[in-house]
Amino acid sequence: MRKLLTLTAFALLLAFVGCESEVTLETPDVSYTITDQGATLALTWDEIADADGYYIYADGVKIDSVTTPSYDATTPAALYEVSAYAGSDESGKDQIDCGAVETTSLIVYGSGDPSPDHPSGFGFNASGAATTYAVSDSTNWPYIDYWIHSVSANEQEFASPSQASYNDEVNTTKNSGQTDYDAVTICDAPGGYIAPNTINANAVYYFWIDPDGDGWGTNNDYFGKIQVVGVNGYAVTLKLAYQPIAGLRWCVVE
């Protein structure tokens, strides 16, 4: 009888110790700021009780671990996640959605096109999707981020709305020198962006929306990429990706 009680007490002790070793970790509550002129997503969170450290994920892949509650994300991705860990235990993941919003096909016409109803302007709405606008209708002007200026029937340019007094935005583009749309994951830092800019078929351009014309900032500056899928006379077919986080130059599509 005494031996049975001893074994029972030992089992209870093991159960108690096992319960003591279990750790329930809170999920980090991650916030961010944009630094390095839009190249870095600086992540921060409060320390998690009992955590040994934190795992960092980019697009579902664990890329790093840290022991302090901050991380400078410099690898462009569509999704960053942070979890806490203690030994083999891991908390849930908090997410920062940093994917670019894609418009897969947009047809815009050079300003020299004979049809006044054909849209020569385009802009990005609140969700980041691109929409075309006929510049012949002045009620569209406040929404135009870019328009296509016709140098001739065979030469078109990306132009800023301020250059035609459609609105005051000073927006520019830069030829990336690449034709592989998916390979372009981050726009160049400010410098070398121009308007107007000659449109070349198959080329991928960075764009920079700088409404105030005051240089890079995180208030109302936005970046993204444009691929010129094709040019047929005045008609220009585009594929676009818009980064909805102000100031961030990443353009990885979700």
C-alpha atoms as a PDB file:
ATOM      1  CA  MET A   1       0.000   0.000   0.000  1.00  0.00           C
ATOM      2  CA  ARG A   2       2.786   2.364   0.939  1.00  0.00           C
ATOM      3  CA  LYS A   3       4.598   1.571  -2.338  1.00  0.00           C
ATOM      4  CA  LEU A   4       1.428   2.364  -4.304  1.00  0.00           C
ATOM      5  CA  LEU A   5       1.061   5.713  -2.550  1.00  0.00           C
ATOM      6  CA  THR A   6       4.684   6.518  -3.273  1.00  0.00           C
ATOM      7  CA  LEU A   7       4.242   5.750  -6.965  1.00  0.00           C
ATOM      8  CA  THR A   8       1.060   7.827  -7.071  1.00  0.00           C
ATOM      9  CA  ALA A   9       2.802  10.779  -5.431  1.00  0.00           C
ATOM     10  CA  PHE A  10       5.679  10.450  -7.891  1.00  0.00           C
ATOM     11  CA  ALA A  11       3.254  10.492 -10.838  1.00  0.00           C
ATOM     12  CA  LEU A  12       1.574  13.599  -9.443  1.00  0.00           C
ATOM     13  CA  LEU A  13       4.952  15.251  -9.032  1.00  0.00           C
ATOM     14  CA  LEU A  14       5.846  14.496 -12.654  1.00  0.00           C
ATOM     15  CA  ALA A  15       2.521  15.923 -13.788  1.00  0.00           C
ATOM     16  CA  PHE A  16       3.120  19.033 -11.686  1.00  0.00           C
ATOM     17  CA  VAL A  17       6.597  19.517 -13.092  1.00  0.00           C
ATOM     18  CA  GLY A  18       5.265  19.002 -16.597  1.00  0.00           C
ATOM     19  CA  CYS A  19       2.644  21.688 -16.077  1.00  0.00           C
ATOM     20  CA  GLU A  20       5.288  24.022 -14.726  1.00  0.00           C
ATOM     21  CA  SER A  21       7.419  23.544 -17.868  1.00  0.00           C
ATOM     22  CA  GLU A  22       4.609  24.464 -20.244  1.00  0.00           C
ATOM     23  CA  VAL A  23       4.791  28.068 -21.416  1.00  0.00           C
ATOM     24  CA  THR A  24       1.948  29.950 -23.032  1.00  0.00           C
ATOM     25  CA  LEU A  25       3.457  32.821 -24.979  1.00  0.00           C
ATOM     26  CA  GLU A  26       1.536  35.889 -26.025  1.00  0.00           C
ATOM     27  CA  THR A  27       1.589  36.862 -29.679  1.00  0.00           C
ATOM     28  CA  PRO A  28       3.709  39.985 -30.314  1.00  0.00           C
ATOM     29  CA  ASP A  29       1.797  43.117 -31.301  1.00  0.00           C
ATOM     30  CA  VAL A  30       4.002  44.467 -34.076  1.00  0.00           C
ATOM     31  CA  SER A  31       4.134  48.033 -35.346  1.00  0.00           C
ATOM     32  CA  TYR A  32       6.418  49.608 -37.924  1.00  0.00           C
ATOM     33  CA  THR A  33       8.091  52.743 -39.209  1.00  0.00           C
ATOM     34  CA  ILE A  34       9.683  53.331 -42.615  1.00  0.00           C
ATOM     35  CA  THR A  35      13.369  54.294 -42.701  1.00  0.00           C
ATOM     36  CA  ASP A  36      16.312  54.516 -45.117  1.00  0.00           C
ATOM     37  CA  GLN A  37      14.274  56.501 -47.645  1.00  0.00           C
ATOM     38  CA  GLY A  38      11.820  53.656 -47.980  1.00  0.00           C
ATOM     39  CA  ALA A  39      14.213  50.696 -48.107  1.00  0.00           C
ATOM     40  CA  THR A  40      13.648  49.426 -44.544  1.00  0.00           C
ATOM     41  CA  LEU A  41      10.547  48.360 -42.642  1.00  0.00           C
ATOM     42  CA  ALA A  42      11.583  48.858 -39.004  1.00  0.00           C
ATOM     43  CA  LEU A  43       9.500  46.485 -36.846  1.00  0.00           C
ATOM     44  CA  THR A  44       9.016  46.904 -33.091  1.00  0.00           C
ATOM     45  CA  TRP A  45       6.923  45.215 -30.387  1.00  0.00           C
ATOM     46  CA  ASP A  46       6.729  44.949 -26.605  1.00  0.00           C
ATOM     47  CA  GLU A  47       8.774  42.283 -24.875  1.00  0.00           C
ATOM     48  CA  ILE A  48       6.868  39.047 -24.332  1.00  0.00           C
ATOM     49  CA  ALA A  49       7.038  37.508 -20.841  1.00  0.00           C
ATOM     50  CA  ASP A  50       8.992  34.217 -20.672  1.00  0.00           C
ATOM     51  CA  ALA A  51      10.184  34.492 -24.283  1.00  0.00           C
ATOM     52  CA  ASP A  52      13.727  33.475 -25.162  1.00  0.00           C
ATOM     53  CA  GLY A  53      13.516  35.435 -28.390  1.00  0.00           C
ATOM     54  CA  TYR A  54      11.537  36.115 -31.538  1.00  0.00           C
ATOM     55  CA  TYR A  55      11.316  34.524 -34.962  1.00  0.00           C
ATOM     56  CA  ILE A  56      11.068  36.640 -38.109  1.00  0.00           C
ATOM     57  CA  TYR A  57       9.243  35.320 -41.181  1.00  0.00           C
ATOM     58  CA  ALA A  58       9.127  36.770 -44.702  1.00  0.00           C
ATOM     59  CA  ASP A  59       6.487  35.372 -47.048  1.00  0.00           C
ATOM     60  CA  GLY A  60       6.050  32.325 -44.822  1.00  0.00           C
ATOM     61  CA  VAL A  61       9.761  31.486 -44.521  1.00  0.00           C
ATOM     62  CA  LYS A  62      11.656  31.885 -41.243  1.00  0.00           C
ATOM     63  CA  ILE A  63      14.550  34.178 -42.134  1.00  0.00           C
ATOM     64  CA  ASP A  64      15.954  35.256 -38.771  1.00  0.00           C
ATOM     65  CA  SER A  65      15.653  35.273 -34.998  1.00  0.00           C
ATOM     66  CA  VAL A  66      16.379  38.048 -32.503  1.00  0.00           C
ATOM     67  CA  THR A  67      16.450  38.388 -28.733  1.00  0.00           C
ATOM     68  CA  THR A  68      15.371  42.032 -28.613  1.00  0.00           C
ATOM     69  CA  PRO A  69      11.887  43.335 -29.540  1.00  0.00           C
ATOM     70  CA  SER A  70      12.861  45.025 -32.795  1.00  0.00           C
ATOM     71  CA  TYR A  71      13.957  44.090 -36.281  1.00  0.00           C
ATOM     72  CA  ASP A  72      14.981  46.054 -39.383  1.00  0.00           C
ATOM     73  CA  ALA A  73      13.415  44.252 -42.333  1.00  0.00           C
ATOM     74  CA  THR A  74      15.448  44.976 -45.451  1.00  0.00           C
ATOM     75  CA  THR A  75      14.436  42.008 -47.619  1.00  0.00           C
ATOM     76  CA  PRO A  76      11.406  43.085 -49.700  1.00  0.00           C
ATOM     77  CA  ALA A  77       8.455  40.756 -49.175  1.00  0.00           C
ATOM     78  CA  ALA A  78       4.676  40.806 -49.369  1.00  0.00           C
ATOM     79  CA  LEU A  79       4.191  39.636 -45.775  1.00  0.00           C
ATOM     80  CA  TYR A  80       6.310  39.886 -42.617  1.00  0.00           C
ATOM     81  CA  GLU A  81       5.457  37.944 -39.456  1.00  0.00           C
ATOM     82  CA  VAL A  82       6.876  37.915 -35.938  1.00  0.00           C
ATOM     83  CA  SER A  83       6.400  35.253 -33.241  1.00  0.00           C
ATOM     84  CA  ALA A  84       7.856  34.715 -29.769  1.00  0.00           C
ATOM     85  CA  TYR A  85       9.601  31.487 -28.788  1.00  0.00           C
ATOM     86  CA  ALA A  86      10.750  29.778 -25.589  1.00  0.00           C
ATOM     87  CA  GLY A  87      12.588  26.533 -26.128  1.00  0.00           C
ATOM     88  CA  SER A  88      10.462  24.531 -28.535  1.00  0.00           C
ATOM     89  CA  ASP A  89       7.311  26.548 -27.790  1.00  0.00           C
ATOM     90  CA  GLU A  90       6.219  29.259 -30.207  1.00  0.00           C
ATOM     91  CA  SER A  91       3.487  31.866 -30.003  1.00  0.00           C
ATOM     92  CA  GLY A  92       1.114  32.900 -32.735  1.00  0.00           C
ATOM     93  CA  LYS A  93       2.394  35.235 -35.451  1.00  0.00           C
ATOM     94  CA  ASP A  94       1.518  38.885 -35.866  1.00  0.00           C
ATOM     95  CA  GLN A  95       1.507  40.022 -39.485  1.00  0.00           C
ATOM     96  CA  ILE A  96       2.471  43.142 -41.376  1.00  0.00           C
ATOM     97  CA  ASP A  97       0.975  43.068 -44.871  1.00  0.00           C
ATOM     98  CA  CYS A  98       3.424  44.923 -47.095  1.00  0.00           C
ATOM     99  CA  GLY A  99       2.421  43.466 -50.451  1.00  0.00           C
ATOM    100  CA  ALA A 100       1.955  45.685 -53.475  1.00  0.00           C
ATOM    101  CA  VAL A 101      -1.521  45.900 -55.000  1.00  0.00           C
ATOM    102  CA  GLU A 102      -1.475  44.745 -58.606  1.00  0.00           C
ATOM    103  CA  THR A 103      -3.497  45.882 -61.593  1.00  0.00           C
ATOM    104  CA  THR A 104      -2.834  43.204 -64.177  1.00  0.00           C
ATOM    105  CA  SER A 105      -3.915  45.097 -67.291  1.00  0.00           C
ATOM    106  CA  LEU A 106      -4.627  48.755 -67.976  1.00  0.00           C
ATOM    107  CA  ILE A 107      -4.940  50.359 -71.424  1.00  0.00           C
ATOM    108  CA  VAL A 108      -4.135  54.052 -71.576  1.00  0.00           C
ATOM    109  CA  TYR A 109      -3.980  56.204 -74.706  1.00  0.00           C
ATOM    110  CA  GLY A 110      -1.512  58.890 -75.655  1.00  0.00           C
ATOM    111  CA  SER A 111      -2.879  62.426 -75.629  1.00  0.00           C
ATOM    112  CA  GLY A 112      -2.609  62.533 -79.433  1.00  0.00           C
ATOM    113  CA  ASP A 113      -5.228  59.822 -79.863  1.00  0.00           C
ATOM    114  CA  PRO A 114      -8.062  61.216 -82.040  1.00  0.00           C
ATOM    115  CA  SER A 115     -10.804  59.963 -79.714  1.00  0.00           C
ATOM    116  CA  PRO A 116     -11.305  62.446 -76.850  1.00  0.00           C
ATOM    117  CA  ASP A 117     -13.124  59.818 -74.822  1.00  0.00           C
ATOM    118  CA  HIS A 118     -10.139  57.497 -74.743  1.00  0.00           C
ATOM    119  CA  PRO A 119      -8.469  57.750 -71.332  1.00  0.00           C
ATOM    120  CA  SER A 120      -5.031  59.374 -71.331  1.00  0.00           C
ATOM    121  CA  GLY A 121      -4.722  59.622 -67.569  1.00  0.00           C
ATOM    122  CA  PHE A 122      -4.510  57.046 -64.805  1.00  0.00           C
ATOM    123  CA  GLY A 123      -4.364  57.077 -61.039  1.00  0.00           C
ATOM    124  CA  PHE A 124      -4.472  54.832 -57.995  1.00  0.00           C
ATOM    125  CA  ASN A 125      -7.525  54.641 -55.746  1.00  0.00           C
ATOM    126  CA  ALA A 126      -7.558  54.236 -51.963  1.00  0.00           C
ATOM    127  CA  SER A 127      -7.116  50.468 -52.225  1.00  0.00           C
ATOM    128  CA  GLY A 128      -4.148  50.813 -54.593  1.00  0.00           C
ATOM    129  CA  ALA A 129      -5.864  49.685 -57.793  1.00  0.00           C
ATOM    130  CA  ALA A 130      -5.145  51.664 -60.966  1.00  0.00           C
ATOM    131  CA  THR A 131      -7.982  53.338 -62.865  1.00  0.00           C
ATOM    132  CA  THR A 132      -7.982  55.208 -66.176  1.00  0.00           C
ATOM    133  CA  TYR A 133      -9.414  58.700 -66.667  1.00  0.00           C
ATOM    134  CA  ALA A 134     -10.346  60.700 -69.746  1.00  0.00           C
ATOM    135  CA  VAL A 135      -8.514  64.024 -69.464  1.00  0.00           C
ATOM    136  CA  SER A 136     -11.210  65.678 -71.592  1.00  0.00           C
ATOM    137  CA  ASP A 137     -13.431  65.613 -68.487  1.00  0.00           C
ATOM    138  CA  SER A 138     -12.079  68.126 -65.965  1.00  0.00           C
ATOM    139  CA  THR A 139     -13.913  66.405 -63.094  1.00  0.00           C
ATOM    140  CA  ASN A 140     -11.361  63.591 -63.489  1.00  0.00           C
ATOM    141  CA  TRP A 141      -8.339  65.820 -63.040  1.00  0.00           C
ATOM    142  CA  PRO A 142      -7.999  65.589 -59.238  1.00  0.00           C
ATOM    143  CA  TYR A 143      -7.660  61.784 -59.498  1.00  0.00           C
ATOM    144  CA  ILE A 144      -4.934  61.656 -62.138  1.00  0.00           C
ATOM    145  CA  ASP A 145      -1.493  60.551 -60.946  1.00  0.00           C
ATOM    146  CA  TYR A 146       0.016  60.182 -64.436  1.00  0.00           C
ATOM    147  CA  TRP A 147      -0.968  60.846 -68.004  1.00  0.00           C
ATOM    148  CA  ILE A 148       0.503  59.783 -71.336  1.00  0.00           C
ATOM    149  CA  HIS A 149       1.801  62.579 -73.495  1.00  0.00           C
ATOM    150  CA  SER A 150       2.109  61.951 -77.220  1.00  0.00           C
ATOM    151  CA  VAL A 151       5.333  63.279 -78.701  1.00  0.00           C
ATOM    152  CA  SER A 152       4.186  61.737 -81.984  1.00  0.00           C
ATOM    153  CA  ALA A 153       2.020  58.851 -83.160  1.00  0.00           C
ATOM    154  CA  ASN A 154       4.949  56.530 -82.433  1.00  0.00           C
ATOM    155  CA  GLU A 155       6.400  58.065 -79.263  1.00  0.00           C
ATOM    156  CA  GLN A 156       4.601  58.290 -75.939  1.00  0.00           C
ATOM    157  CA  GLU A 157       5.771  59.538 -72.535  1.00  0.00           C
ATOM    158  CA  PHE A 158       4.788  59.111 -68.892  1.00  0.00           C
ATOM    159  CA  ALA A 159       4.030  62.649 -67.707  1.00  0.00           C
ATOM    160  CA  SER A 160       3.200  64.279 -64.390  1.00  0.00           C
ATOM    161  CA  PRO A 161      -0.265  65.835 -63.938  1.00  0.00           C
ATOM    162  CA  SER A 162       1.338  69.112 -62.873  1.00  0.00           C
ATOM    163  CA  GLN A 163       2.907  69.427 -66.326  1.00  0.00           C
ATOM    164  CA  ALA A 164      -0.544  69.798 -67.870  1.00  0.00           C
ATOM    165  CA  SER A 165      -2.103  71.623 -64.887  1.00  0.00           C
ATOM    166  CA  TYR A 166      -4.495  68.730 -64.286  1.00  0.00           C
ATOM    167  CA  ASN A 167      -3.547  69.035 -60.613  1.00  0.00           C
ATOM    168  CA  ASP A 168      -0.497  70.054 -58.573  1.00  0.00           C
ATOM    169  CA  GLU A 169       1.032  66.592 -58.075  1.00  0.00           C
ATOM    170  CA  VAL A 170       4.699  66.236 -59.003  1.00  0.00           C
ATOM    171  CA  ASN A 171       4.989  62.564 -59.972  1.00  0.00           C
ATOM    172  CA  THR A 172       7.884  60.921 -61.771  1.00  0.00           C
ATOM    173  CA  THR A 173       9.104  57.596 -63.177  1.00  0.00           C
ATOM    174  CA  LYS A 174      12.456  55.912 -63.768  1.00  0.00           C
ATOM    175  CA  ASN A 175      13.349  53.183 -66.235  1.00  0.00           C
ATOM    176  CA  SER A 176      14.614  50.268 -64.141  1.00  0.00           C
ATOM    177  CA  GLY A 177      16.735  48.939 -67.003  1.00  0.00           C
ATOM    178  CA  GLN A 178      14.968  45.580 -66.594  1.00  0.00           C
ATOM    179  CA  THR A 179      12.252  43.747 -68.481  1.00  0.00           C
ATOM    180  CA  ASP A 180      11.510  41.076 -65.833  1.00  0.00           C
ATOM    181  CA  TYR A 181       8.569  42.506 -63.891  1.00  0.00           C
ATOM    182  CA  ASP A 182       8.697  39.888 -61.117  1.00  0.00           C
ATOM    183  CA  ALA A 183      12.432  40.403 -60.559  1.00  0.00           C
ATOM    184  CA  VAL A 184      11.842  44.062 -59.650  1.00  0.00           C
ATOM    185  CA  THR A 185      11.137  43.883 -55.908  1.00  0.00           C
ATOM    186  CA  ILE A 186      12.214  47.361 -54.771  1.00  0.00           C
ATOM    187  CA  CYS A 187      12.214  50.735 -56.478  1.00  0.00           C
ATOM    188  CA  ASP A 188      15.370  52.792 -56.630  1.00  0.00           C
ATOM    189  CA  ALA A 189      15.943  55.420 -53.963  1.00  0.00           C
ATOM    190  CA  PRO A 190      15.060  58.987 -54.975  1.00  0.00           C
ATOM    191  CA  GLY A 191      17.406  60.245 -57.644  1.00  0.00           C
ATOM    192  CA  GLY A 192      17.092  59.989 -61.405  1.00  0.00           C
ATOM    193  CA  TYR A 193      13.285  59.968 -61.429  1.00  0.00           C
ATOM    194  CA  ILE A 194      11.995  62.227 -64.199  1.00  0.00           C
ATOM    195  CA  ALA A 195       8.889  63.496 -65.954  1.00  0.00           C
ATOM    196  CA  PRO A 196       8.223  63.252 -68.789  1.00  0.00           C
ATOM    197  CA  ASN A 197       9.852  59.888 -69.491  1.00  0.00           C
ATOM    198  CA  THR A 198       9.864  58.043 -72.822  1.00  0.00           C
ATOM    199  CA  ILE A 199       7.798  54.835 -72.850  1.00  0.00           C
ATOM    200  CA  ASN A 200       9.575  51.757 -74.198  1.00  0.00           C
ATOM    201  CA  ALA A 201       7.776  48.494 -74.891  1.00  0.00           C
ATOM    202  CA  ASN A 202       8.553  45.676 -72.408  1.00  0.00           C
ATOM    203  CA  ALA A 203      10.474  47.972 -70.066  1.00  0.00           C
ATOM    204  CA  VAL A 204       9.777  48.036 -66.322  1.00  0.00           C
ATOM    205  CA  TYR A 205       9.603  51.470 -64.698  1.00  0.00           C
ATOM    206  CA  TYR A 206       9.671  52.544 -61.082  1.00  0.00           C
ATOM    207  CA  PHE A 207       7.168  55.244 -60.210  1.00  0.00           C
ATOM    208  CA  TRP A 208       7.234  57.775 -57.398  1.00  0.00           C
ATOM    209  CA  ILE A 209       4.125  59.729 -56.451  1.00  0.00           C
ATOM    210  CA  ASP A 210       5.360  62.859 -54.670  1.00  0.00           C
ATOM    211  CA  PRO A 211       2.318  65.148 -54.489  1.00  0.00           C
ATOM    212  CA  ASP A 212       4.104  68.000 -52.741  1.00  0.00           C
ATOM    213  CA  GLY A 213       7.300  67.786 -54.760  1.00  0.00           C
ATOM    214  CA  ASP A 214       9.235  68.000 -51.492  1.00  0.00           C
ATOM    215  CA  GLY A 215      11.344  64.839 -51.664  1.00  0.00           C
ATOM    216  CA  TRP A 216      10.903  61.497 -49.947  1.00  0.00           C
ATOM    217  CA  GLY A 217       8.604  61.224 -46.930  1.00  0.00           C
ATOM    218  CA  THR A 218       6.148  58.908 -45.205  1.00  0.00           C
ATOM    219  CA  ASN A 219       3.146  61.208 -45.341  1.00  0.00           C
ATOM    220  CA  ASN A 220       1.805  60.970 -48.896  1.00  0.00           C
ATOM    221  CA  ASP A 221       4.647  59.615 -51.042  1.00  0.00           C
ATOM    222  CA  TYR A 222       4.010  56.285 -52.779  1.00  0.00           C
ATOM    223  CA  PHE A 223       6.109  53.968 -54.942  1.00  0.00           C
ATOM    224  CA  GLY A 224       5.537  51.071 -57.302  1.00  0.00           C
ATOM    225  CA  LYS A 225       6.402  49.552 -60.652  1.00  0.00           C
ATOM    226  CA  ILE A 226       4.951  49.627 -64.151  1.00  0.00           C
ATOM    227  CA  GLN A 227       5.610  47.186 -66.969  1.00  0.00           C
ATOM    228  CA  VAL A 228       4.857  48.339 -70.486  1.00  0.00           C
ATOM    229  CA  VAL A 229       3.230  45.171 -71.791  1.00  0.00           C
ATOM    230  CA  GLY A 230       2.753  46.584 -75.265  1.00  0.00           C
ATOM    231  CA  VAL A 231       2.522  49.715 -77.374  1.00  0.00           C
ATOM    232  CA  ASN A 232       0.204  49.843 -80.376  1.00  0.00           C
ATOM    233  CA  GLY A 233       0.207  53.332 -81.794  1.00  0.00           C
ATOM    234  CA  TYR A 234      -1.347  55.565 -79.149  1.00  0.00           C
ATOM    235  CA  ALA A 235      -2.612  52.602 -77.089  1.00  0.00           C
ATOM    236  CA  VAL A 236      -0.288  51.593 -74.254  1.00  0.00           C
ATOM    237  CA  THR A 237      -1.008  48.447 -72.214  1.00  0.00           C
ATOM    238  CA  LEU A 238       0.388  48.493 -68.682  1.00  0.00           C
ATOM    239  CA  LYS A 239       0.778  46.135 -65.733  1.00  0.00           C
ATOM    240  CA  LEU A 240       1.175  47.941 -62.412  1.00  0.00           C
ATOM    241  CA  ALA A 241       1.952  47.282 -58.760  1.00  0.00           C
ATOM    242  CA  TYR A 242       1.330  49.976 -56.119  1.00  0.00           C
ATOM    243  CA  GLN A 243       2.807  49.895 -52.614  1.00  0.00           C
ATOM    244  CA  PRO A 244       0.057  51.112 -50.230  1.00  0.00           C
ATOM    245  CA  ILE A 245       2.420  51.799 -47.294  1.00  0.00           C
ATOM    246  CA  ALA A 246       3.439  55.424 -47.653  1.00  0.00           C
ATOM    247  CA  GLY A 247       7.154  55.902 -48.226  1.00  0.00           C
ATOM    248  CA  LEU A 248       7.984  52.196 -48.648  1.00  0.00           C
ATOM    249  CA  ARG A 249       9.726  51.360 -51.935  1.00  0.00           C
ATOM    250  CA  TRP A 250       9.014  47.616 -51.931  1.00  0.00           C
ATOM    251  CA  CYS A 251       6.926  46.336 -54.831  1.00  0.00           C
ATOM    252  CA  VAL A 252       6.503  42.608 -54.175  1.00  0.00           C
ATOM    253  CA  VAL A 253       3.068  41.488 -55.341  1.00  0.00           C
ATOM    254  CA  GLU A 254       0.893  39.563 -52.876  1.00  0.00           C
END
